[in-house]
């Protein structure tokens, strides 16, 4: 499985594209665990204390947002799938909606 890193995560991973080999039947959650196992400094960047993906981290599988899937991070992924992990700050703009939720401000 291929993981493409963008923004602040690229230097941590040491490049844009990193290949991961996981067992058949692996989930997106398994792939994220493999990512933070290989790059431990990404754990604090991507996951909270319970190991859950922070809501403000934009990531996509084959261009689709896994948060919109019924099974979310527990969806099976295949060897040809590509996970794209973007920095929460892109083009100088942070994910404002998620930041407001964390601060308790739901105003658009």
PDB file of N, CA and C in Angstrom:
ATOM      1  N   UNK A   1       0.835  -1.154   0.000  1.00  0.00           N
ATOM      2  CA  UNK A   1       0.000   0.000   0.000  1.00  0.00           C
ATOM      3  C   UNK A   1       0.889   1.228   0.000  1.00  0.00           C
ATOM      4  N   UNK A   2       0.436   2.225  -0.693  1.00  0.00           N
ATOM      5  CA  UNK A   2       1.229   3.442  -0.819  1.00  0.00           C
ATOM      6  C   UNK A   2       0.642   4.530   0.061  1.00  0.00           C
ATOM      7  N   UNK A   3       1.524   5.259   0.735  1.00  0.00           N
ATOM      8  CA  UNK A   3       1.106   6.413   1.524  1.00  0.00           C
ATOM      9  C   UNK A   3       1.859   7.620   0.981  1.00  0.00           C
ATOM     10  N   UNK A   4       1.104   8.644   0.613  1.00  0.00           N
ATOM     11  CA  UNK A   4       1.684   9.904   0.155  1.00  0.00           C
ATOM     12  C   UNK A   4       1.542  10.926   1.268  1.00  0.00           C
ATOM     13  N   UNK A   5       2.653  11.551   1.628  1.00  0.00           N
ATOM     14  CA  UNK A   5       2.672  12.549   2.688  1.00  0.00           C
ATOM     15  C   UNK A   5       2.798  13.944   2.078  1.00  0.00           C
ATOM     16  N   UNK A   6       2.096  14.899   2.676  1.00  0.00           N
ATOM     17  CA  UNK A   6       2.119  16.275   2.204  1.00  0.00           C
ATOM     18  C   UNK A   6       2.393  17.217   3.371  1.00  0.00           C
ATOM     19  N   UNK A   7       2.815  18.419   3.038  1.00  0.00           N
ATOM     20  CA  UNK A   7       3.020  19.460   4.038  1.00  0.00           C
ATOM     21  C   UNK A   7       4.045  19.080   5.080  1.00  0.00           C
ATOM     22  N   UNK A   8       3.695  19.310   6.344  1.00  0.00           N
ATOM     23  CA  UNK A   8       4.640  19.101   7.444  1.00  0.00           C
ATOM     24  C   UNK A   8       4.997  17.638   7.664  1.00  0.00           C
ATOM     25  N   UNK A   9       4.225  16.718   7.097  1.00  0.00           N
ATOM     26  CA  UNK A   9       4.484  15.288   7.319  1.00  0.00           C
ATOM     27  C   UNK A   9       5.545  14.723   6.383  1.00  0.00           C
ATOM     28  N   UNK A  10       5.761  15.375   5.262  1.00  0.00           N
ATOM     29  CA  UNK A  10       6.743  14.856   4.300  1.00  0.00           C
ATOM     30  C   UNK A  10       8.152  14.789   4.882  1.00  0.00           C
ATOM     31  N   UNK A  11       8.660  15.852   5.535  1.00  0.00           N
ATOM     32  CA  UNK A  11      10.011  15.727   6.092  1.00  0.00           C
ATOM     33  C   UNK A  11      10.101  14.705   7.229  1.00  0.00           C
ATOM     34  N   UNK A  12       9.019  14.533   7.976  1.00  0.00           N
ATOM     35  CA  UNK A  12       9.031  13.544   9.057  1.00  0.00           C
ATOM     36  C   UNK A  12       9.152  12.135   8.473  1.00  0.00           C
ATOM     37  N   UNK A  13       8.432  11.895   7.368  1.00  0.00           N
ATOM     38  CA  UNK A  13       8.468  10.580   6.725  1.00  0.00           C
ATOM     39  C   UNK A  13       9.704  10.405   5.846  1.00  0.00           C
ATOM     40  N   UNK A  14      10.386  11.499   5.558  1.00  0.00           N
ATOM     41  CA  UNK A  14      11.590  11.410   4.746  1.00  0.00           C
ATOM     42  C   UNK A  14      11.338  11.319   3.262  1.00  0.00           C
ATOM     43  N   UNK A  15      10.149  11.670   2.826  1.00  0.00           N
ATOM     44  CA  UNK A  15       9.836  11.658   1.406  1.00  0.00           C
ATOM     45  C   UNK A  15       8.343  11.738   1.178  1.00  0.00           C
ATOM     46  N   UNK A  16       7.982  11.873  -0.093  1.00  0.00           N
ATOM     47  CA  UNK A  16       6.563  11.986  -0.424  1.00  0.00           C
ATOM     48  C   UNK A  16       5.856  10.641  -0.367  1.00  0.00           C
ATOM     49  N   UNK A  17       6.420   9.647  -0.997  1.00  0.00           N
ATOM     50  CA  UNK A  17       5.746   8.364  -1.139  1.00  0.00           C
ATOM     51  C   UNK A  17       6.505   7.270  -0.403  1.00  0.00           C
ATOM     52  N   UNK A  18       5.778   6.574   0.464  1.00  0.00           N
ATOM     53  CA  UNK A  18       6.358   5.469   1.228  1.00  0.00           C
ATOM     54  C   UNK A  18       5.465   4.242   1.011  1.00  0.00           C
ATOM     55  N   UNK A  19       6.080   3.112   0.718  1.00  0.00           N
ATOM     56  CA  UNK A  19       5.342   1.868   0.515  1.00  0.00           C
ATOM     57  C   UNK A  19       5.267   1.083   1.828  1.00  0.00           C
ATOM     58  N   UNK A  20       4.111   0.473   2.049  1.00  0.00           N
ATOM     59  CA  UNK A  20       3.892  -0.372   3.220  1.00  0.00           C
ATOM     60  C   UNK A  20       3.349  -1.708   2.752  1.00  0.00           C
ATOM     61  N   UNK A  21       3.819  -2.772   3.376  1.00  0.00           N
ATOM     62  CA  UNK A  21       3.306  -4.102   3.077  1.00  0.00           C
ATOM     63  C   UNK A  21       2.538  -4.594   4.296  1.00  0.00           C
ATOM     64  N   UNK A  22       1.235  -4.803   4.100  1.00  0.00           N
ATOM     65  CA  UNK A  22       0.385  -5.305   5.170  1.00  0.00           C
ATOM     66  C   UNK A  22      -0.267  -6.600   4.728  1.00  0.00           C
ATOM     67  N   UNK A  23      -0.706  -7.360   5.688  1.00  0.00           N
ATOM     68  CA  UNK A  23      -1.379  -8.628   5.412  1.00  0.00           C
ATOM     69  C   UNK A  23      -2.709  -8.390   4.687  1.00  0.00           C
ATOM     70  N   UNK A  24      -3.135  -9.382   3.962  1.00  0.00           N
ATOM     71  CA  UNK A  24      -4.453  -9.342   3.332  1.00  0.00           C
ATOM     72  C   UNK A  24      -5.503  -9.192   4.434  1.00  0.00           C
ATOM     73  N   UNK A  25      -6.509  -8.372   4.192  1.00  0.00           N
ATOM     74  CA  UNK A  25      -7.530  -8.122   5.196  1.00  0.00           C
ATOM     75  C   UNK A  25      -7.205  -6.950   6.110  1.00  0.00           C
ATOM     76  N   UNK A  26      -6.153  -6.195   5.769  1.00  0.00           N
ATOM     77  CA  UNK A  26      -5.777  -5.033   6.574  1.00  0.00           C
ATOM     78  C   UNK A  26      -6.797  -3.915   6.397  1.00  0.00           C
ATOM     79  N   UNK A  27      -6.949  -3.146   7.447  1.00  0.00           N
ATOM     80  CA  UNK A  27      -7.861  -2.006   7.421  1.00  0.00           C
ATOM     81  C   UNK A  27      -7.060  -0.708   7.339  1.00  0.00           C
ATOM     82  N   UNK A  28      -7.772   0.365   7.105  1.00  0.00           N
ATOM     83  CA  UNK A  28      -7.133   1.678   7.112  1.00  0.00           C
ATOM     84  C   UNK A  28      -6.511   1.941   8.478  1.00  0.00           C
ATOM     85  N   UNK A  29      -7.169   1.528   9.533  1.00  0.00           N
ATOM     86  CA  UNK A  29      -6.619   1.678  10.892  1.00  0.00           C
ATOM     87  C   UNK A  29      -5.282   0.926  11.014  1.00  0.00           C
ATOM     88  N   UNK A  30      -5.207  -0.282  10.444  1.00  0.00           N
ATOM     89  CA  UNK A  30      -3.956  -1.056  10.460  1.00  0.00           C
ATOM     90  C   UNK A  30      -2.844  -0.300   9.736  1.00  0.00           C
ATOM     91  N   UNK A  31      -3.196   0.308   8.611  1.00  0.00           N
ATOM     92  CA  UNK A  31      -2.199   1.058   7.847  1.00  0.00           C
ATOM     93  C   UNK A  31      -1.715   2.263   8.643  1.00  0.00           C
ATOM     94  N   UNK A  32      -2.622   2.960   9.304  1.00  0.00           N
ATOM     95  CA  UNK A  32      -2.202   4.095  10.130  1.00  0.00           C
ATOM     96  C   UNK A  32      -1.288   3.639  11.266  1.00  0.00           C
ATOM     97  N   UNK A  33      -1.587   2.497  11.849  1.00  0.00           N
ATOM     98  CA  UNK A  33      -0.715   1.953  12.896  1.00  0.00           C
ATOM     99  C   UNK A  33       0.665   1.613  12.336  1.00  0.00           C
ATOM    100  N   UNK A  34       0.716   1.094  11.120  1.00  0.00           N
ATOM    101  CA  UNK A  34       1.997   0.793  10.484  1.00  0.00           C
ATOM    102  C   UNK A  34       2.781   2.074  10.217  1.00  0.00           C
ATOM    103  N   UNK A  35       2.073   3.128   9.838  1.00  0.00           N
ATOM    104  CA  UNK A  35       2.717   4.419   9.579  1.00  0.00           C
ATOM    105  C   UNK A  35       3.372   4.949  10.850  1.00  0.00           C
ATOM    106  N   UNK A  36       2.621   4.967  11.952  1.00  0.00           N
ATOM    107  CA  UNK A  36       3.194   5.524  13.186  1.00  0.00           C
ATOM    108  C   UNK A  36       4.217   4.577  13.820  1.00  0.00           C
ATOM    109  N   UNK A  37       4.146   3.293  13.507  1.00  0.00           N
ATOM    110  CA  UNK A  37       5.178   2.367  13.984  1.00  0.00           C
ATOM    111  C   UNK A  37       6.500   2.639  13.263  1.00  0.00           C
ATOM    112  N   UNK A  38       6.420   2.920  11.970  1.00  0.00           N
ATOM    113  CA  UNK A  38       7.633   3.195  11.199  1.00  0.00           C
ATOM    114  C   UNK A  38       8.174   4.595  11.494  1.00  0.00           C
ATOM    115  N   UNK A  39       7.272   5.537  11.707  1.00  0.00           N
ATOM    116  CA  UNK A  39       7.649   6.930  11.972  1.00  0.00           C
ATOM    117  C   UNK A  39       7.029   7.365  13.302  1.00  0.00           C
ATOM    118  N   UNK A  40       7.624   6.981  14.429  1.00  0.00           N
ATOM    119  CA  UNK A  40       7.025   7.240  15.743  1.00  0.00           C
ATOM    120  C   UNK A  40       6.690   8.707  16.015  1.00  0.00           C
ATOM    121  N   UNK A  41       7.444   9.624  15.439  1.00  0.00           N
ATOM    122  CA  UNK A  41       7.146  11.039  15.687  1.00  0.00           C
ATOM    123  C   UNK A  41       5.835  11.473  15.029  1.00  0.00           C
ATOM    124  N   UNK A  42       5.300  10.673  14.137  1.00  0.00           N
ATOM    125  CA  UNK A  42       3.997  10.986  13.537  1.00  0.00           C
ATOM    126  C   UNK A  42       2.836  10.642  14.469  1.00  0.00           C
ATOM    127  N   UNK A  43       3.079   9.783  15.448  1.00  0.00           N
ATOM    128  CA  UNK A  43       1.993   9.377  16.355  1.00  0.00           C
ATOM    129  C   UNK A  43       1.355  10.588  17.012  1.00  0.00           C
ATOM    130  N   UNK A  44       2.160  11.442  17.603  1.00  0.00           N
ATOM    131  CA  UNK A  44       1.620  12.614  18.294  1.00  0.00           C
ATOM    132  C   UNK A  44       0.992  13.605  17.314  1.00  0.00           C
ATOM    133  N   UNK A  45       1.435  13.585  16.081  1.00  0.00           N
ATOM    134  CA  UNK A  45       0.898  14.482  15.056  1.00  0.00           C
ATOM    135  C   UNK A  45      -0.469  14.025  14.542  1.00  0.00           C
ATOM    136  N   UNK A  46      -0.669  12.701  14.484  1.00  0.00           N
ATOM    137  CA  UNK A  46      -1.873  12.156  13.848  1.00  0.00           C
ATOM    138  C   UNK A  46      -2.903  11.592  14.818  1.00  0.00           C
ATOM    139  N   UNK A  47      -2.428  11.040  15.942  1.00  0.00           N
ATOM    140  CA  UNK A  47      -3.326  10.295  16.826  1.00  0.00           C
ATOM    141  C   UNK A  47      -3.393  10.900  18.228  1.00  0.00           C
ATOM    142  N   UNK A  48      -4.585  10.798  18.831  1.00  0.00           N
ATOM    143  CA  UNK A  48      -4.742  11.267  20.208  1.00  0.00           C
ATOM    144  C   UNK A  48      -4.250  10.184  21.171  1.00  0.00           C
ATOM    145  N   UNK A  49      -4.420  10.396  22.467  1.00  0.00           N
ATOM    146  CA  UNK A  49      -3.916   9.452  23.475  1.00  0.00           C
ATOM    147  C   UNK A  49      -4.557   8.080  23.381  1.00  0.00           C
ATOM    148  N   UNK A  50      -5.788   8.028  22.869  1.00  0.00           N
ATOM    149  CA  UNK A  50      -6.494   6.751  22.717  1.00  0.00           C
ATOM    150  C   UNK A  50      -6.191   6.079  21.385  1.00  0.00           C
ATOM    151  N   UNK A  51      -5.329   6.701  20.580  1.00  0.00           N
ATOM    152  CA  UNK A  51      -4.974   6.127  19.292  1.00  0.00           C
ATOM    153  C   UNK A  51      -5.965   6.441  18.185  1.00  0.00           C
ATOM    154  N   UNK A  52      -6.842   7.410  18.424  1.00  0.00           N
ATOM    155  CA  UNK A  52      -7.816   7.814  17.413  1.00  0.00           C
ATOM    156  C   UNK A  52      -7.243   8.949  16.567  1.00  0.00           C
ATOM    157  N   UNK A  53      -7.552   8.917  15.293  1.00  0.00           N
ATOM    158  CA  UNK A  53      -7.112   9.959  14.373  1.00  0.00           C
ATOM    159  C   UNK A  53      -7.738  11.290  14.766  1.00  0.00           C
ATOM    160  N   UNK A  54      -6.912  12.333  14.862  1.00  0.00           N
ATOM    161  CA  UNK A  54      -7.449  13.657  15.150  1.00  0.00           C
ATOM    162  C   UNK A  54      -8.430  14.062  14.044  1.00  0.00           C
ATOM    163  N   UNK A  55      -9.528  14.712  14.399  1.00  0.00           N
ATOM    164  CA  UNK A  55     -10.539  15.069  13.391  1.00  0.00           C
ATOM    165  C   UNK A  55     -10.074  16.126  12.398  1.00  0.00           C
ATOM    166  N   UNK A  56      -9.034  16.856  12.708  1.00  0.00           N
ATOM    167  CA  UNK A  56      -8.592  17.913  11.810  1.00  0.00           C
ATOM    168  C   UNK A  56      -7.531  17.449  10.814  1.00  0.00           C
ATOM    169  N   UNK A  57      -7.159  16.174  10.862  1.00  0.00           N
ATOM    170  CA  UNK A  57      -6.168  15.651   9.916  1.00  0.00           C
ATOM    171  C   UNK A  57      -6.869  15.258   8.625  1.00  0.00           C
ATOM    172  N   UNK A  58      -6.581  15.956   7.527  1.00  0.00           N
ATOM    173  CA  UNK A  58      -7.193  15.584   6.255  1.00  0.00           C
ATOM    174  C   UNK A  58      -6.460  14.383   5.643  1.00  0.00           C
ATOM    175  N   UNK A  59      -7.193  13.303   5.478  1.00  0.00           N
ATOM    176  CA  UNK A  59      -6.615  12.162   4.781  1.00  0.00           C
ATOM    177  C   UNK A  59      -7.656  11.557   3.851  1.00  0.00           C
ATOM    178  N   UNK A  60      -7.144  10.948   2.807  1.00  0.00           N
ATOM    179  CA  UNK A  60      -8.008  10.414   1.756  1.00  0.00           C
ATOM    180  C   UNK A  60      -7.462   9.079   1.284  1.00  0.00           C
ATOM    181  N   UNK A  61      -8.353   8.178   0.946  1.00  0.00           N
ATOM    182  CA  UNK A  61      -7.982   6.905   0.350  1.00  0.00           C
ATOM    183  C   UNK A  61      -8.498   6.935  -1.081  1.00  0.00           C
ATOM    184  N   UNK A  62      -7.581   6.879  -2.012  1.00  0.00           N
ATOM    185  CA  UNK A  62      -7.926   6.959  -3.428  1.00  0.00           C
ATOM    186  C   UNK A  62      -8.793   8.189  -3.714  1.00  0.00           C
ATOM    187  N   UNK A  63      -8.478   9.294  -3.038  1.00  0.00           N
ATOM    188  CA  UNK A  63      -9.187  10.543  -3.251  1.00  0.00           C
ATOM    189  C   UNK A  63     -10.504  10.671  -2.516  1.00  0.00           C
ATOM    190  N   UNK A  64     -10.856   9.685  -1.697  1.00  0.00           N
ATOM    191  CA  UNK A  64     -12.130   9.714  -0.968  1.00  0.00           C
ATOM    192  C   UNK A  64     -11.878   9.859   0.534  1.00  0.00           C
ATOM    193  N   UNK A  65     -12.767  10.619   1.169  1.00  0.00           N
ATOM    194  CA  UNK A  65     -12.657  10.872   2.600  1.00  0.00           C
ATOM    195  C   UNK A  65     -13.207   9.677   3.368  1.00  0.00           C
ATOM    196  N   UNK A  66     -12.367   8.948   4.103  1.00  0.00           N
ATOM    197  CA  UNK A  66     -12.843   7.760   4.820  1.00  0.00           C
ATOM    198  C   UNK A  66     -13.804   8.087   5.963  1.00  0.00           C
ATOM    199  N   UNK A  67     -13.837   9.320   6.388  1.00  0.00           N
ATOM    200  CA  UNK A  67     -14.767   9.696   7.459  1.00  0.00           C
ATOM    201  C   UNK A  67     -16.217   9.636   6.981  1.00  0.00           C
ATOM    202  N   UNK A  68     -16.417   9.598   5.684  1.00  0.00           N
ATOM    203  CA  UNK A  68     -17.758   9.515   5.117  1.00  0.00           C
ATOM    204  C   UNK A  68     -18.216   8.067   4.928  1.00  0.00           C
ATOM    205  N   UNK A  69     -17.325   7.112   5.132  1.00  0.00           N
ATOM    206  CA  UNK A  69     -17.669   5.694   5.013  1.00  0.00           C
ATOM    207  C   UNK A  69     -18.333   5.220   6.299  1.00  0.00           C
ATOM    208  N   UNK A  70     -19.271   4.328   6.183  1.00  0.00           N
ATOM    209  CA  UNK A  70     -19.930   3.767   7.373  1.00  0.00           C
ATOM    210  C   UNK A  70     -18.922   3.066   8.285  1.00  0.00           C
ATOM    211  N   UNK A  71     -17.947   2.375   7.695  1.00  0.00           N
ATOM    212  CA  UNK A  71     -16.962   1.653   8.495  1.00  0.00           C
ATOM    213  C   UNK A  71     -15.703   2.472   8.767  1.00  0.00           C
ATOM    214  N   UNK A  72     -15.623   3.680   8.260  1.00  0.00           N
ATOM    215  CA  UNK A  72     -14.527   4.604   8.544  1.00  0.00           C
ATOM    216  C   UNK A  72     -13.152   3.985   8.458  1.00  0.00           C
ATOM    217  N   UNK A  73     -12.396   4.089   9.537  1.00  0.00           N
ATOM    218  CA  UNK A  73     -11.021   3.578   9.559  1.00  0.00           C
ATOM    219  C   UNK A  73     -10.951   2.062   9.588  1.00  0.00           C
ATOM    220  N   UNK A  74     -12.090   1.412   9.795  1.00  0.00           N
ATOM    221  CA  UNK A  74     -12.109  -0.049   9.836  1.00  0.00           C
ATOM    222  C   UNK A  74     -12.402  -0.671   8.471  1.00  0.00           C
ATOM    223  N   UNK A  75     -12.434   0.129   7.428  1.00  0.00           N
ATOM    224  CA  UNK A  75     -12.653  -0.378   6.076  1.00  0.00           C
ATOM    225  C   UNK A  75     -11.420  -1.126   5.595  1.00  0.00           C
ATOM    226  N   UNK A  76     -11.663  -2.241   4.932  1.00  0.00           N
ATOM    227  CA  UNK A  76     -10.566  -3.005   4.340  1.00  0.00           C
ATOM    228  C   UNK A  76      -9.936  -2.195   3.218  1.00  0.00           C
ATOM    229  N   UNK A  77      -8.629  -2.297   3.113  1.00  0.00           N
ATOM    230  CA  UNK A  77      -7.922  -1.634   2.030  1.00  0.00           C
ATOM    231  C   UNK A  77      -7.086  -2.666   1.296  1.00  0.00           C
ATOM    232  N   UNK A  78      -6.815  -2.365   0.047  1.00  0.00           N
ATOM    233  CA  UNK A  78      -6.072  -3.299  -0.784  1.00  0.00           C
ATOM    234  C   UNK A  78      -4.682  -2.797  -1.122  1.00  0.00           C
ATOM    235  N   UNK A  79      -3.907  -3.651  -1.735  1.00  0.00           N
ATOM    236  CA  UNK A  79      -2.514  -3.322  -2.047  1.00  0.00           C
ATOM    237  C   UNK A  79      -2.399  -2.184  -3.054  1.00  0.00           C
ATOM    238  N   UNK A  80      -3.406  -1.965  -3.872  1.00  0.00           N
ATOM    239  CA  UNK A  80      -3.348  -0.900  -4.872  1.00  0.00           C
ATOM    240  C   UNK A  80      -3.879   0.432  -4.338  1.00  0.00           C
ATOM    241  N   UNK A  81      -4.398   0.449  -3.111  1.00  0.00           N
ATOM    242  CA  UNK A  81      -4.950   1.686  -2.551  1.00  0.00           C
ATOM    243  C   UNK A  81      -3.847   2.664  -2.175  1.00  0.00           C
ATOM    244  N   UNK A  82      -4.191   3.947  -2.255  1.00  0.00           N
ATOM    245  CA  UNK A  82      -3.258   5.012  -1.912  1.00  0.00           C
ATOM    246  C   UNK A  82      -3.872   5.869  -0.814  1.00  0.00           C
ATOM    247  N   UNK A  83      -3.164   5.987   0.289  1.00  0.00           N
ATOM    248  CA  UNK A  83      -3.563   6.862   1.386  1.00  0.00           C
ATOM    249  C   UNK A  83      -2.787   8.164   1.243  1.00  0.00           C
ATOM    250  N   UNK A  84      -3.504   9.265   1.207  1.00  0.00           N
ATOM    251  CA  UNK A  84      -2.883  10.592   1.149  1.00  0.00           C
ATOM    252  C   UNK A  84      -3.107  11.276   2.488  1.00  0.00           C
ATOM    253  N   UNK A  85      -2.016  11.686   3.126  1.00  0.00           N
ATOM    254  CA  UNK A  85      -2.074  12.335   4.433  1.00  0.00           C
ATOM    255  C   UNK A  85      -1.607  13.771   4.256  1.00  0.00           C
ATOM    256  N   UNK A  86      -2.544  14.697   4.461  1.00  0.00           N
ATOM    257  CA  UNK A  86      -2.259  16.110   4.279  1.00  0.00           C
ATOM    258  C   UNK A  86      -2.061  16.797   5.619  1.00  0.00           C
ATOM    259  N   UNK A  87      -1.296  17.851   5.599  1.00  0.00           N
ATOM    260  CA  UNK A  87      -1.122  18.688   6.773  1.00  0.00           C
ATOM    261  C   UNK A  87      -2.437  19.417   7.042  1.00  0.00           C
ATOM    262  N   UNK A  88      -2.774  19.646   8.320  1.00  0.00           N
ATOM    263  CA  UNK A  88      -4.000  20.391   8.608  1.00  0.00           C
ATOM    264  C   UNK A  88      -3.905  21.839   8.150  1.00  0.00           C
ATOM    265  N   UNK A  89      -2.720  22.279   7.821  1.00  0.00           N
ATOM    266  CA  UNK A  89      -2.532  23.627   7.287  1.00  0.00           C
ATOM    267  C   UNK A  89      -2.132  23.480   5.833  1.00  0.00           C
ATOM    268  N   UNK A  90      -3.007  23.960   4.967  1.00  0.00           N
ATOM    269  CA  UNK A  90      -2.731  23.884   3.530  1.00  0.00           C
ATOM    270  C   UNK A  90      -2.954  25.260   2.924  1.00  0.00           C
ATOM    271  N   UNK A  91      -2.032  25.702   2.139  1.00  0.00           N
ATOM    272  CA  UNK A  91      -2.114  27.010   1.497  1.00  0.00           C
ATOM    273  C   UNK A  91      -2.317  28.118   2.528  1.00  0.00           C
ATOM    274  N   UNK A  92      -1.726  27.947   3.699  1.00  0.00           N
ATOM    275  CA  UNK A  92      -1.836  28.959   4.730  1.00  0.00           C
ATOM    276  C   UNK A  92      -3.171  28.977   5.441  1.00  0.00           C
ATOM    277  N   UNK A  93      -4.018  27.979   5.193  1.00  0.00           N
ATOM    278  CA  UNK A  93      -5.355  27.952   5.783  1.00  0.00           C
ATOM    279  C   UNK A  93      -5.523  26.680   6.599  1.00  0.00           C
ATOM    280  N   UNK A  94      -5.824  26.823   7.874  1.00  0.00           N
ATOM    281  CA  UNK A  94      -6.029  25.659   8.734  1.00  0.00           C
ATOM    282  C   UNK A  94      -7.455  25.155   8.560  1.00  0.00           C
ATOM    283  N   UNK A  95      -7.711  23.929   8.933  1.00  0.00           N
ATOM    284  CA  UNK A  95      -9.052  23.362   8.877  1.00  0.00           C
ATOM    285  C   UNK A  95      -9.901  24.069   9.937  1.00  0.00           C
ATOM    286  N   UNK A  96     -10.489  25.181   9.548  1.00  0.00           N
ATOM    287  CA  UNK A  96     -11.184  26.085  10.463  1.00  0.00           C
ATOM    288  C   UNK A  96     -12.362  25.416  11.154  1.00  0.00           C
ATOM    289  N   UNK A  97     -13.134  24.630  10.440  1.00  0.00           N
ATOM    290  CA  UNK A  97     -14.315  24.009  11.023  1.00  0.00           C
ATOM    291  C   UNK A  97     -13.951  23.109  12.192  1.00  0.00           C
ATOM    292  N   UNK A  98     -12.934  22.290  12.043  1.00  0.00           N
ATOM    293  CA  UNK A  98     -12.535  21.375  13.111  1.00  0.00           C
ATOM    294  C   UNK A  98     -11.927  22.126  14.290  1.00  0.00           C
ATOM    295  N   UNK A  99     -11.175  23.172  13.999  1.00  0.00           N
ATOM    296  CA  UNK A  99     -10.595  23.966  15.073  1.00  0.00           C
ATOM    297  C   UNK A  99     -11.692  24.621  15.899  1.00  0.00           C
ATOM    298  N   UNK A 100     -12.723  25.131  15.244  1.00  0.00           N
ATOM    299  CA  UNK A 100     -13.844  25.753  15.964  1.00  0.00           C
ATOM    300  C   UNK A 100     -14.561  24.735  16.847  1.00  0.00           C
ATOM    301  N   UNK A 101     -14.728  23.518  16.343  1.00  0.00           N
ATOM    302  CA  UNK A 101     -15.388  22.488  17.140  1.00  0.00           C
ATOM    303  C   UNK A 101     -14.606  22.211  18.406  1.00  0.00           C
ATOM    304  N   UNK A 102     -13.284  22.138  18.282  1.00  0.00           N
ATOM    305  CA  UNK A 102     -12.438  21.884  19.446  1.00  0.00           C
ATOM    306  C   UNK A 102     -12.546  23.009  20.471  1.00  0.00           C
ATOM    307  N   UNK A 103     -12.763  24.221  19.983  1.00  0.00           N
ATOM    308  CA  UNK A 103     -12.872  25.368  20.869  1.00  0.00           C
ATOM    309  C   UNK A 103     -14.298  25.584  21.342  1.00  0.00           C
ATOM    310  N   UNK A 104     -15.242  24.755  20.866  1.00  0.00           N
ATOM    311  CA  UNK A 104     -16.628  24.886  21.277  1.00  0.00           C
ATOM    312  C   UNK A 104     -17.399  25.951  20.534  1.00  0.00           C
ATOM    313  N   UNK A 105     -16.857  26.458  19.440  1.00  0.00           N
ATOM    314  CA  UNK A 105     -17.526  27.490  18.645  1.00  0.00           C
ATOM    315  C   UNK A 105     -18.028  26.854  17.365  1.00  0.00           C
ATOM    316  N   UNK A 106     -19.327  26.681  17.238  1.00  0.00           N
ATOM    317  CA  UNK A 106     -19.929  26.052  16.061  1.00  0.00           C
ATOM    318  C   UNK A 106     -20.359  27.074  15.014  1.00  0.00           C
ATOM    319  N   UNK A 107     -20.016  28.347  15.182  1.00  0.00           N
ATOM    320  CA  UNK A 107     -20.408  29.396  14.256  1.00  0.00           C
ATOM    321  C   UNK A 107     -19.696  29.217  12.930  1.00  0.00           C
ATOM    322  N   UNK A 108     -20.428  29.301  11.813  1.00  0.00           N
ATOM    323  CA  UNK A 108     -19.759  29.159  10.509  1.00  0.00           C
ATOM    324  C   UNK A 108     -18.875  30.325  10.173  1.00  0.00           C
TER     325      UNK A 108
END
